[in-house]
C-alpha atoms as a PDB file:
ATOM      1  CA  UNK A   1     104.351  82.677 126.456  1.00  0.00           C
ATOM      2  CA  UNK A   2     101.714  85.405 126.032  1.00  0.00           C
ATOM      3  CA  UNK A   3     102.590  87.981 123.369  1.00  0.00           C
ATOM      4  CA  UNK A   4     100.734  91.193 122.598  1.00  0.00           C
ATOM      5  CA  UNK A   5     101.282  93.148 119.383  1.00  0.00           C
ATOM      6  CA  UNK A   6     100.889  96.892 119.873  1.00  0.00           C
ATOM      7  CA  UNK A   7     100.185  98.677 116.611  1.00  0.00           C
ATOM      8  CA  UNK A   8     101.200 102.346 116.847  1.00  0.00           C
ATOM      9  CA  UNK A   9      99.523 104.809 114.493  1.00  0.00           C
ATOM     10  CA  UNK A  10     100.425 108.461 114.191  1.00  0.00           C
ATOM     11  CA  UNK A  11      97.001 109.927 114.905  1.00  0.00           C
ATOM     12  CA  UNK A  12      95.198 112.697 113.050  1.00  0.00           C
ATOM     13  CA  UNK A  13      93.046 115.743 113.711  1.00  0.00           C
ATOM     14  CA  UNK A  14      90.807 114.270 111.046  1.00  0.00           C
ATOM     15  CA  UNK A  15      88.697 111.590 112.712  1.00  0.00           C
ATOM     16  CA  UNK A  16      88.320 109.767 109.412  1.00  0.00           C
ATOM     17  CA  UNK A  17      92.067 109.100 109.459  1.00  0.00           C
ATOM     18  CA  UNK A  18      91.918 107.642 112.972  1.00  0.00           C
ATOM     19  CA  UNK A  19      88.927 105.545 111.952  1.00  0.00           C
ATOM     20  CA  UNK A  20      90.882 104.107 109.028  1.00  0.00           C
ATOM     21  CA  UNK A  21      93.741 103.101 111.333  1.00  0.00           C
ATOM     22  CA  UNK A  22      91.221 101.411 113.619  1.00  0.00           C
ATOM     23  CA  UNK A  23      89.734  99.579 110.647  1.00  0.00           C
ATOM     24  CA  UNK A  24      93.241  98.569 109.579  1.00  0.00           C
ATOM     25  CA  UNK A  25      93.828  97.068 113.016  1.00  0.00           C
ATOM     26  CA  UNK A  26      90.543  95.168 112.781  1.00  0.00           C
ATOM     27  CA  UNK A  27      91.409  93.774 109.365  1.00  0.00           C
ATOM     28  CA  UNK A  28      94.890  92.777 110.491  1.00  0.00           C
ATOM     29  CA  UNK A  29      93.400  91.057 113.544  1.00  0.00           C
ATOM     30  CA  UNK A  30      90.961  89.195 111.279  1.00  0.00           C
ATOM     31  CA  UNK A  31      93.912  87.909 109.246  1.00  0.00           C
ATOM     32  CA  UNK A  32      95.484  86.556 112.459  1.00  0.00           C
ATOM     33  CA  UNK A  33      92.747  85.563 114.931  1.00  0.00           C
ATOM     34  CA  UNK A  34      95.356  83.750 117.033  1.00  0.00           C
ATOM     35  CA  UNK A  35      97.224  87.013 117.671  1.00  0.00           C
ATOM     36  CA  UNK A  36      96.408  89.644 120.264  1.00  0.00           C
ATOM     37  CA  UNK A  37      96.672  92.981 118.451  1.00  0.00           C
ATOM     38  CA  UNK A  38      96.025  96.258 120.237  1.00  0.00           C
ATOM     39  CA  UNK A  39      96.136  99.804 118.914  1.00  0.00           C
ATOM     40  CA  UNK A  40      97.354 103.153 120.175  1.00  0.00           C
ATOM     41  CA  UNK A  41      98.410 106.483 118.690  1.00  0.00           C
ATOM     42  CA  UNK A  42     101.373 108.815 119.089  1.00  0.00           C
ATOM     43  CA  UNK A  43      99.229 111.951 119.240  1.00  0.00           C
ATOM     44  CA  UNK A  44      95.896 113.565 118.365  1.00  0.00           C
ATOM     45  CA  UNK A  45      93.786 110.505 119.217  1.00  0.00           C
ATOM     46  CA  UNK A  46      92.899 107.995 121.903  1.00  0.00           C
ATOM     47  CA  UNK A  47      94.534 105.749 123.136  1.00  0.00           C
ATOM     48  CA  UNK A  48      97.966 107.434 123.358  1.00  0.00           C
ATOM     49  CA  UNK A  49     101.233 105.507 123.471  1.00  0.00           C
ATOM     50  CA  UNK A  50     101.889 105.404 127.262  1.00  0.00           C
ATOM     51  CA  UNK A  51      98.398 104.032 127.914  1.00  0.00           C
ATOM     52  CA  UNK A  52      98.715 101.659 124.981  1.00  0.00           C
ATOM     53  CA  UNK A  53     101.938 100.237 126.374  1.00  0.00           C
ATOM     54  CA  UNK A  54     100.369  99.883 129.819  1.00  0.00           C
ATOM     55  CA  UNK A  55      97.402  97.983 128.427  1.00  0.00           C
ATOM     56  CA  UNK A  56      99.556  95.786 126.199  1.00  0.00           C
ATOM     57  CA  UNK A  57     101.770  94.811 129.151  1.00  0.00           C
ATOM     58  CA  UNK A  58      98.796  93.519 131.143  1.00  0.00           C
ATOM     59  CA  UNK A  59      98.769  89.708 131.164  1.00  0.00           C
ATOM     60  CA  UNK A  60     101.647  89.619 128.656  1.00  0.00           C
ATOM     61  CA  UNK A  61     105.133  88.195 128.773  1.00  0.00           C
ATOM     62  CA  UNK A  62     106.193  89.999 125.602  1.00  0.00           C
ATOM     63  CA  UNK A  63     105.003  93.146 123.815  1.00  0.00           C
ATOM     64  CA  UNK A  64     105.963  93.690 120.181  1.00  0.00           C
ATOM     65  CA  UNK A  65     105.653  97.381 119.342  1.00  0.00           C
ATOM     66  CA  UNK A  66     104.919  97.835 115.630  1.00  0.00           C
ATOM     67  CA  UNK A  67     104.962 101.416 114.285  1.00  0.00           C
ATOM     68  CA  UNK A  68     102.446 101.893 111.476  1.00  0.00           C
ATOM     69  CA  UNK A  69     104.599 104.675 110.063  1.00  0.00           C
ATOM     70  CA  UNK A  70     106.351 104.881 106.703  1.00  0.00           C
ATOM     71  CA  UNK A  71     109.413 107.040 107.437  1.00  0.00           C
ATOM     72  CA  UNK A  72     111.627 107.184 110.506  1.00  0.00           C
ATOM     73  CA  UNK A  73     111.870 110.685 111.933  1.00  0.00           C
ATOM     74  CA  UNK A  74     111.569 112.006 115.492  1.00  0.00           C
ATOM     75  CA  UNK A  75     108.544 109.930 116.493  1.00  0.00           C
ATOM     76  CA  UNK A  76     110.146 106.654 115.423  1.00  0.00           C
ATOM     77  CA  UNK A  77     113.715 107.448 116.449  1.00  0.00           C
ATOM     78  CA  UNK A  78     113.139 109.250 119.728  1.00  0.00           C
ATOM     79  CA  UNK A  79     109.607 109.383 121.087  1.00  0.00           C
ATOM     80  CA  UNK A  80     108.516 105.767 120.777  1.00  0.00           C
ATOM     81  CA  UNK A  81     111.825 104.386 122.181  1.00  0.00           C
ATOM     82  CA  UNK A  82     111.560 106.748 125.158  1.00  0.00           C
ATOM     83  CA  UNK A  83     108.077 105.504 126.015  1.00  0.00           C
ATOM     84  CA  UNK A  84     109.196 101.899 125.593  1.00  0.00           C
ATOM     85  CA  UNK A  85     112.040 102.468 128.068  1.00  0.00           C
ATOM     86  CA  UNK A  86     109.572 103.910 130.556  1.00  0.00           C
ATOM     87  CA  UNK A  87     107.289 100.918 130.045  1.00  0.00           C
ATOM     88  CA  UNK A  88     110.208  98.559 130.658  1.00  0.00           C
ATOM     89  CA  UNK A  89     110.935 100.283 133.957  1.00  0.00           C
ATOM     90  CA  UNK A  90     107.294  99.989 135.005  1.00  0.00           C
ATOM     91  CA  UNK A  91     106.974  96.374 133.825  1.00  0.00           C
ATOM     92  CA  UNK A  92     110.313  94.659 134.538  1.00  0.00           C
ATOM     93  CA  UNK A  93     108.863  91.192 133.948  1.00  0.00           C
ATOM     94  CA  UNK A  94     107.664  92.017 130.420  1.00  0.00           C
ATOM     95  CA  UNK A  95     109.912  91.897 127.358  1.00  0.00           C
ATOM     96  CA  UNK A  96     109.363  94.829 124.989  1.00  0.00           C
ATOM     97  CA  UNK A  97     110.546  94.423 121.396  1.00  0.00           C
ATOM     98  CA  UNK A  98     110.513  97.379 119.021  1.00  0.00           C
ATOM     99  CA  UNK A  99     109.916  96.412 115.395  1.00  0.00           C
ATOM    100  CA  UNK A 100     111.197  98.646 112.566  1.00  0.00           C
ATOM    101  CA  UNK A 101     108.967 101.152 110.806  1.00  0.00           C
ATOM    102  CA  UNK A 102     107.701 100.320 107.312  1.00  0.00           C
ATOM    103  CA  UNK A 103     110.697 102.003 105.680  1.00  0.00           C
ATOM    104  CA  UNK A 104     111.646 101.997 102.003  1.00  0.00           C
ATOM    105  CA  UNK A 105     111.767  98.529 100.530  1.00  0.00           C
ATOM    106  CA  UNK A 106     110.648  96.363  97.636  1.00  0.00           C
ATOM    107  CA  UNK A 107     107.171  95.929  99.125  1.00  0.00           C
ATOM    108  CA  UNK A 108     106.471  99.660  99.240  1.00  0.00           C
ATOM    109  CA  UNK A 109     108.004 100.040  95.782  1.00  0.00           C
ATOM    110  CA  UNK A 110     105.543  97.455  94.486  1.00  0.00           C
ATOM    111  CA  UNK A 111     102.630  99.290  96.139  1.00  0.00           C
ATOM    112  CA  UNK A 112     103.855 102.593  94.713  1.00  0.00           C
ATOM    113  CA  UNK A 113     104.089 101.046  91.247  1.00  0.00           C
ATOM    114  CA  UNK A 114     100.536  99.751  91.546  1.00  0.00           C
ATOM    115  CA  UNK A 115      99.330 103.218  92.510  1.00  0.00           C
ATOM    116  CA  UNK A 116     101.175 104.641  89.516  1.00  0.00           C
ATOM    117  CA  UNK A 117      99.548 102.171  87.129  1.00  0.00           C
ATOM    118  CA  UNK A 118      96.105 102.918  88.548  1.00  0.00           C
ATOM    119  CA  UNK A 119      96.733 106.655  88.133  1.00  0.00           C
ATOM    120  CA  UNK A 120      97.929 106.189  84.551  1.00  0.00           C
ATOM    121  CA  UNK A 121      94.668 104.432  83.728  1.00  0.00           C
ATOM    122  CA  UNK A 122      92.774 107.583  84.694  1.00  0.00           C
ATOM    123  CA  UNK A 123      94.981 109.393  82.166  1.00  0.00           C
ATOM    124  CA  UNK A 124      94.157 106.837  79.446  1.00  0.00           C
ATOM    125  CA  UNK A 125      97.609 105.211  79.682  1.00  0.00           C
ATOM    126  CA  UNK A 126      99.762 107.968  78.146  1.00  0.00           C
ATOM    127  CA  UNK A 127     103.319 107.619  76.877  1.00  0.00           C
ATOM    128  CA  UNK A 128     105.582 107.309  79.944  1.00  0.00           C
ATOM    129  CA  UNK A 129     108.304 109.266  78.144  1.00  0.00           C
ATOM    130  CA  UNK A 130     106.131 112.396  78.289  1.00  0.00           C
ATOM    131  CA  UNK A 131     104.433 111.578  81.597  1.00  0.00           C
ATOM    132  CA  UNK A 132     106.118 112.894  84.700  1.00  0.00           C
ATOM    133  CA  UNK A 133     105.748 111.316  88.132  1.00  0.00           C
ATOM    134  CA  UNK A 134     105.811 113.171  91.448  1.00  0.00           C
ATOM    135  CA  UNK A 135     105.977 111.200  94.698  1.00  0.00           C
ATOM    136  CA  UNK A 136     104.490 113.438  97.371  1.00  0.00           C
ATOM    137  CA  UNK A 137     105.540 112.836 100.978  1.00  0.00           C
ATOM    138  CA  UNK A 138     104.814 114.484 104.284  1.00  0.00           C
ATOM    139  CA  UNK A 139     108.223 116.076 104.765  1.00  0.00           C
ATOM    140  CA  UNK A 140     110.460 116.048 107.821  1.00  0.00           C
ATOM    141  CA  UNK A 141     113.301 117.957 109.482  1.00  0.00           C
ATOM    142  CA  UNK A 142     115.177 114.618 109.432  1.00  0.00           C
ATOM    143  CA  UNK A 143     117.129 114.357 106.196  1.00  0.00           C
ATOM    144  CA  UNK A 144     117.367 110.574 106.466  1.00  0.00           C
ATOM    145  CA  UNK A 145     113.568 110.300 106.477  1.00  0.00           C
ATOM    146  CA  UNK A 146     113.381 112.569 103.431  1.00  0.00           C
ATOM    147  CA  UNK A 147     116.087 110.469 101.828  1.00  0.00           C
ATOM    148  CA  UNK A 148     113.915 107.357 102.075  1.00  0.00           C
ATOM    149  CA  UNK A 149     111.463 109.017  99.705  1.00  0.00           C
ATOM    150  CA  UNK A 150     114.261 109.993  97.339  1.00  0.00           C
ATOM    151  CA  UNK A 151     115.516 106.407  97.333  1.00  0.00           C
ATOM    152  CA  UNK A 152     112.104 105.057  96.367  1.00  0.00           C
ATOM    153  CA  UNK A 153     111.829 107.665  93.623  1.00  0.00           C
ATOM    154  CA  UNK A 154     115.080 106.382  92.167  1.00  0.00           C
ATOM    155  CA  UNK A 155     113.885 102.797  92.405  1.00  0.00           C
ATOM    156  CA  UNK A 156     110.624 103.712  90.680  1.00  0.00           C
ATOM    157  CA  UNK A 157     112.583 105.480  87.937  1.00  0.00           C
ATOM    158  CA  UNK A 158     114.627 102.337  87.304  1.00  0.00           C
ATOM    159  CA  UNK A 159     111.550 100.086  87.397  1.00  0.00           C
ATOM    160  CA  UNK A 160     109.548 102.079  84.840  1.00  0.00           C
ATOM    161  CA  UNK A 161     109.981 103.889  81.525  1.00  0.00           C
ATOM    162  CA  UNK A 162     109.214 107.320  82.979  1.00  0.00           C
ATOM    163  CA  UNK A 163     112.054 109.712  82.258  1.00  0.00           C
ATOM    164  CA  UNK A 164     111.125 112.141  85.019  1.00  0.00           C
ATOM    165  CA  UNK A 165     110.385 110.967  88.574  1.00  0.00           C
ATOM    166  CA  UNK A 166     110.511 113.741  91.153  1.00  0.00           C
ATOM    167  CA  UNK A 167     109.794 114.059  94.857  1.00  0.00           C
ATOM    168  CA  UNK A 168     107.886 116.802  96.661  1.00  0.00           C
ATOM    169  CA  UNK A 169     106.675 117.422 100.196  1.00  0.00           C
ATOM    170  CA  UNK A 170     103.536 118.855 101.733  1.00  0.00           C
ATOM    171  CA  UNK A 171     105.442 120.718 104.433  1.00  0.00           C
ATOM    172  CA  UNK A 172     108.564 121.324 106.539  1.00  0.00           C
ATOM    173  CA  UNK A 173     111.019 120.836 103.675  1.00  0.00           C
ATOM    174  CA  UNK A 174     111.265 121.466  99.936  1.00  0.00           C
ATOM    175  CA  UNK A 175     110.453 121.203  97.078  1.00  0.00           C
ATOM    176  CA  UNK A 176     106.702 121.619  97.430  1.00  0.00           C
ATOM    177  CA  UNK A 177     104.198 120.191  94.976  1.00  0.00           C
ATOM    178  CA  UNK A 178     103.686 123.439  93.060  1.00  0.00           C
ATOM    179  CA  UNK A 179     107.419 123.755  92.388  1.00  0.00           C
ATOM    180  CA  UNK A 180     107.699 120.161  91.181  1.00  0.00           C
ATOM    181  CA  UNK A 181     104.750 120.578  88.811  1.00  0.00           C
ATOM    182  CA  UNK A 182     106.205 123.824  87.478  1.00  0.00           C
ATOM    183  CA  UNK A 183     109.540 122.101  86.812  1.00  0.00           C
ATOM    184  CA  UNK A 184     107.935 119.207  84.970  1.00  0.00           C
ATOM    185  CA  UNK A 185     105.825 121.570  82.885  1.00  0.00           C
ATOM    186  CA  UNK A 186     108.967 123.460  81.816  1.00  0.00           C
ATOM    187  CA  UNK A 187     110.640 120.174  80.897  1.00  0.00           C
ATOM    188  CA  UNK A 188     107.843 119.355  78.490  1.00  0.00           C
ATOM    189  CA  UNK A 189     105.764 116.802  80.337  1.00  0.00           C
ATOM    190  CA  UNK A 190     102.256 116.605  78.863  1.00  0.00           C
ATOM    191  CA  UNK A 191     100.870 114.479  81.717  1.00  0.00           C
ATOM    192  CA  UNK A 192     101.772 114.348  85.399  1.00  0.00           C
ATOM    193  CA  UNK A 193     100.929 111.559  87.855  1.00  0.00           C
ATOM    194  CA  UNK A 194     101.035 112.629  91.508  1.00  0.00           C
ATOM    195  CA  UNK A 195     101.466 109.773  93.990  1.00  0.00           C
ATOM    196  CA  UNK A 196     100.734 110.553  97.678  1.00  0.00           C
ATOM    197  CA  UNK A 197     103.205 108.688  99.881  1.00  0.00           C
ATOM    198  CA  UNK A 198     100.746 108.316 102.751  1.00  0.00           C
ATOM    199  CA  UNK A 199      99.092 105.428 104.546  1.00  0.00           C
ATOM    200  CA  UNK A 200      95.694 106.893 105.454  1.00  0.00           C
ATOM    201  CA  UNK A 201      93.471 109.885 104.927  1.00  0.00           C
ATOM    202  CA  UNK A 202      93.727 113.059 106.988  1.00  0.00           C
ATOM    203  CA  UNK A 203      93.968 116.812 106.745  1.00  0.00           C
ATOM    204  CA  UNK A 204      97.025 116.609 104.500  1.00  0.00           C
ATOM    205  CA  UNK A 205      95.265 114.291 102.048  1.00  0.00           C
ATOM    206  CA  UNK A 206      92.433 116.818 101.861  1.00  0.00           C
ATOM    207  CA  UNK A 207      94.979 119.591 101.298  1.00  0.00           C
ATOM    208  CA  UNK A 208      96.602 117.604  98.494  1.00  0.00           C
ATOM    209  CA  UNK A 209      93.234 117.225  96.766  1.00  0.00           C
ATOM    210  CA  UNK A 210      92.727 121.001  96.850  1.00  0.00           C
ATOM    211  CA  UNK A 211      96.250 121.627  95.573  1.00  0.00           C
ATOM    212  CA  UNK A 212      95.799 119.217  92.674  1.00  0.00           C
ATOM    213  CA  UNK A 213      92.492 120.832  91.737  1.00  0.00           C
ATOM    214  CA  UNK A 214      94.160 124.244  91.682  1.00  0.00           C
ATOM    215  CA  UNK A 215      97.092 122.962  89.628  1.00  0.00           C
ATOM    216  CA  UNK A 216      94.729 121.432  87.088  1.00  0.00           C
ATOM    217  CA  UNK A 217      93.260 124.908  86.637  1.00  0.00           C
ATOM    218  CA  UNK A 218      96.669 126.578  86.415  1.00  0.00           C
ATOM    219  CA  UNK A 219      97.985 124.099  83.825  1.00  0.00           C
ATOM    220  CA  UNK A 220      95.015 123.288  81.553  1.00  0.00           C
ATOM    221  CA  UNK A 221      97.394 122.089  78.820  1.00  0.00           C
ATOM    222  CA  UNK A 222      98.696 119.293  81.094  1.00  0.00           C
ATOM    223  CA  UNK A 223      96.670 116.287  82.190  1.00  0.00           C
ATOM    224  CA  UNK A 224      97.274 116.032  85.954  1.00  0.00           C
ATOM    225  CA  UNK A 225      95.983 113.086  87.986  1.00  0.00           C
ATOM    226  CA  UNK A 226      96.447 112.178  91.636  1.00  0.00           C
ATOM    227  CA  UNK A 227      96.692 108.634  92.953  1.00  0.00           C
ATOM    228  CA  UNK A 228      95.421 107.237  96.208  1.00  0.00           C
ATOM    229  CA  UNK A 229      97.212 106.696  99.505  1.00  0.00           C
ATOM    230  CA  UNK A 230      98.367 103.169 100.399  1.00  0.00           C
ATOM    231  CA  UNK A 231      95.572 102.404 102.857  1.00  0.00           C
ATOM    232  CA  UNK A 232      94.619  98.759 103.008  1.00  0.00           C
ATOM    233  CA  UNK A 233      96.877  97.390 100.299  1.00  0.00           C
ATOM    234  CA  UNK A 234      97.637  93.721 101.049  1.00  0.00           C
ATOM    235  CA  UNK A 235     101.333  94.482 100.822  1.00  0.00           C
ATOM    236  CA  UNK A 236     101.174  96.650 103.955  1.00  0.00           C
ATOM    237  CA  UNK A 237      99.629  93.787 105.945  1.00  0.00           C
ATOM    238  CA  UNK A 238     102.238  91.360 104.597  1.00  0.00           C
ATOM    239  CA  UNK A 239     105.062  93.737 105.492  1.00  0.00           C
ATOM    240  CA  UNK A 240     103.769  94.037 109.057  1.00  0.00           C
ATOM    241  CA  UNK A 241     103.479  90.250 109.232  1.00  0.00           C
ATOM    242  CA  UNK A 242     107.202  90.013 108.497  1.00  0.00           C
ATOM    243  CA  UNK A 243     107.950  92.696 111.076  1.00  0.00           C
ATOM    244  CA  UNK A 244     106.164  90.648 113.745  1.00  0.00           C
ATOM    245  CA  UNK A 245     107.773  87.377 112.669  1.00  0.00           C
ATOM    246  CA  UNK A 246     111.244  88.919 112.829  1.00  0.00           C
ATOM    247  CA  UNK A 247     110.525  90.524 116.206  1.00  0.00           C
ATOM    248  CA  UNK A 248     109.295  87.205 117.603  1.00  0.00           C
ATOM    249  CA  UNK A 249     112.361  85.321 116.336  1.00  0.00           C
ATOM    250  CA  UNK A 250     114.949  85.233 119.150  1.00  0.00           C
ATOM    251  CA  UNK A 251     117.730  84.816 116.580  1.00  0.00           C
ATOM    252  CA  UNK A 252     116.732  87.838 114.500  1.00  0.00           C
ATOM    253  CA  UNK A 253     118.790  91.051 114.964  1.00  0.00           C
ATOM    254  CA  UNK A 254     116.836  93.658 116.940  1.00  0.00           C
ATOM    255  CA  UNK A 255     118.774  96.764 115.889  1.00  0.00           C
ATOM    256  CA  UNK A 256     116.707  99.394 114.097  1.00  0.00           C
ATOM    257  CA  UNK A 257     117.898 101.059 110.905  1.00  0.00           C
ATOM    258  CA  UNK A 258     118.292 104.311 112.864  1.00  0.00           C
ATOM    259  CA  UNK A 259     120.271 102.879 115.797  1.00  0.00           C
ATOM    260  CA  UNK A 260     123.538 104.751 116.197  1.00  0.00           C
ATOM    261  CA  UNK A 261     122.644 107.420 113.650  1.00  0.00           C
ATOM    262  CA  UNK A 262     123.923 110.952 114.070  1.00  0.00           C
ATOM    263  CA  UNK A 263     120.394 112.382 114.210  1.00  0.00           C
ATOM    264  CA  UNK A 264     119.535 110.428 117.340  1.00  0.00           C
ATOM    265  CA  UNK A 265     122.822 111.280 119.029  1.00  0.00           C
ATOM    266  CA  UNK A 266     122.451 115.001 118.314  1.00  0.00           C
ATOM    267  CA  UNK A 267     118.808 115.109 119.315  1.00  0.00           C
ATOM    268  CA  UNK A 268     119.475 113.170 122.506  1.00  0.00           C
ATOM    269  CA  UNK A 269     122.241 115.561 123.462  1.00  0.00           C
ATOM    270  CA  UNK A 270     120.209 118.639 122.595  1.00  0.00           C
ATOM    271  CA  UNK A 271     117.115 117.549 124.517  1.00  0.00           C
ATOM    272  CA  UNK A 272     118.970 115.759 127.345  1.00  0.00           C
ATOM    273  CA  UNK A 273     117.558 112.322 126.549  1.00  0.00           C
ATOM    274  CA  UNK A 274     119.450 109.524 128.237  1.00  0.00           C
ATOM    275  CA  UNK A 275     117.827 106.424 126.677  1.00  0.00           C
END
């Protein structure tokens, strides 16, 4: 049986972000030379998802669609499944399996903890009791996606000695980074570690860097440091390996975490989706 793995990145207006996703695909392919791994994007880059599905279906009996996305919002819950259904109709002899997004789990918690430790080193390893942590995500209109970030913040709180672990978002929802920093300053934090909850670089990563620089000027009495995005951490590759193994296992459940959720039902009704 010929299986193709289709890695689906979000896509960015910043070419450097698209280049990093391409490099990620190359490194993942190098880890598994026996696999056939192809790449496409949801938007803002080439190749887009419909063309990626078409290419993956060529000379394949099975296509495993693997979203390289942390949180499940509209793209993961609605857009990708719609395109997969269209691909199934166009390729009735090909089995399409949709693997879950990266999600919130112990692997991402471990990566987040590593990023925190690396950031603390730039602050000369301060007392965690007086060092606040802010996990900074993209933000979504989907409250479940935002809740994934809140869940990881709670897990990080329980896994460390930091007494203040907050979340913030770069857009769409609140609180924003400036508000979270202001809150931690009022609560007496003398250091703040900001952890971007992102996979790759892009315009938002550049915006975060400018925001942090401005906040460092606004709060000279507080040592503020920003960590790095997840990028090419081995844990991301290992998590995707498990996604593929589960998708290839005929006995593994194929229901996504978001299947049957109220968000999908409401959005489908509102936009007249019938998938």
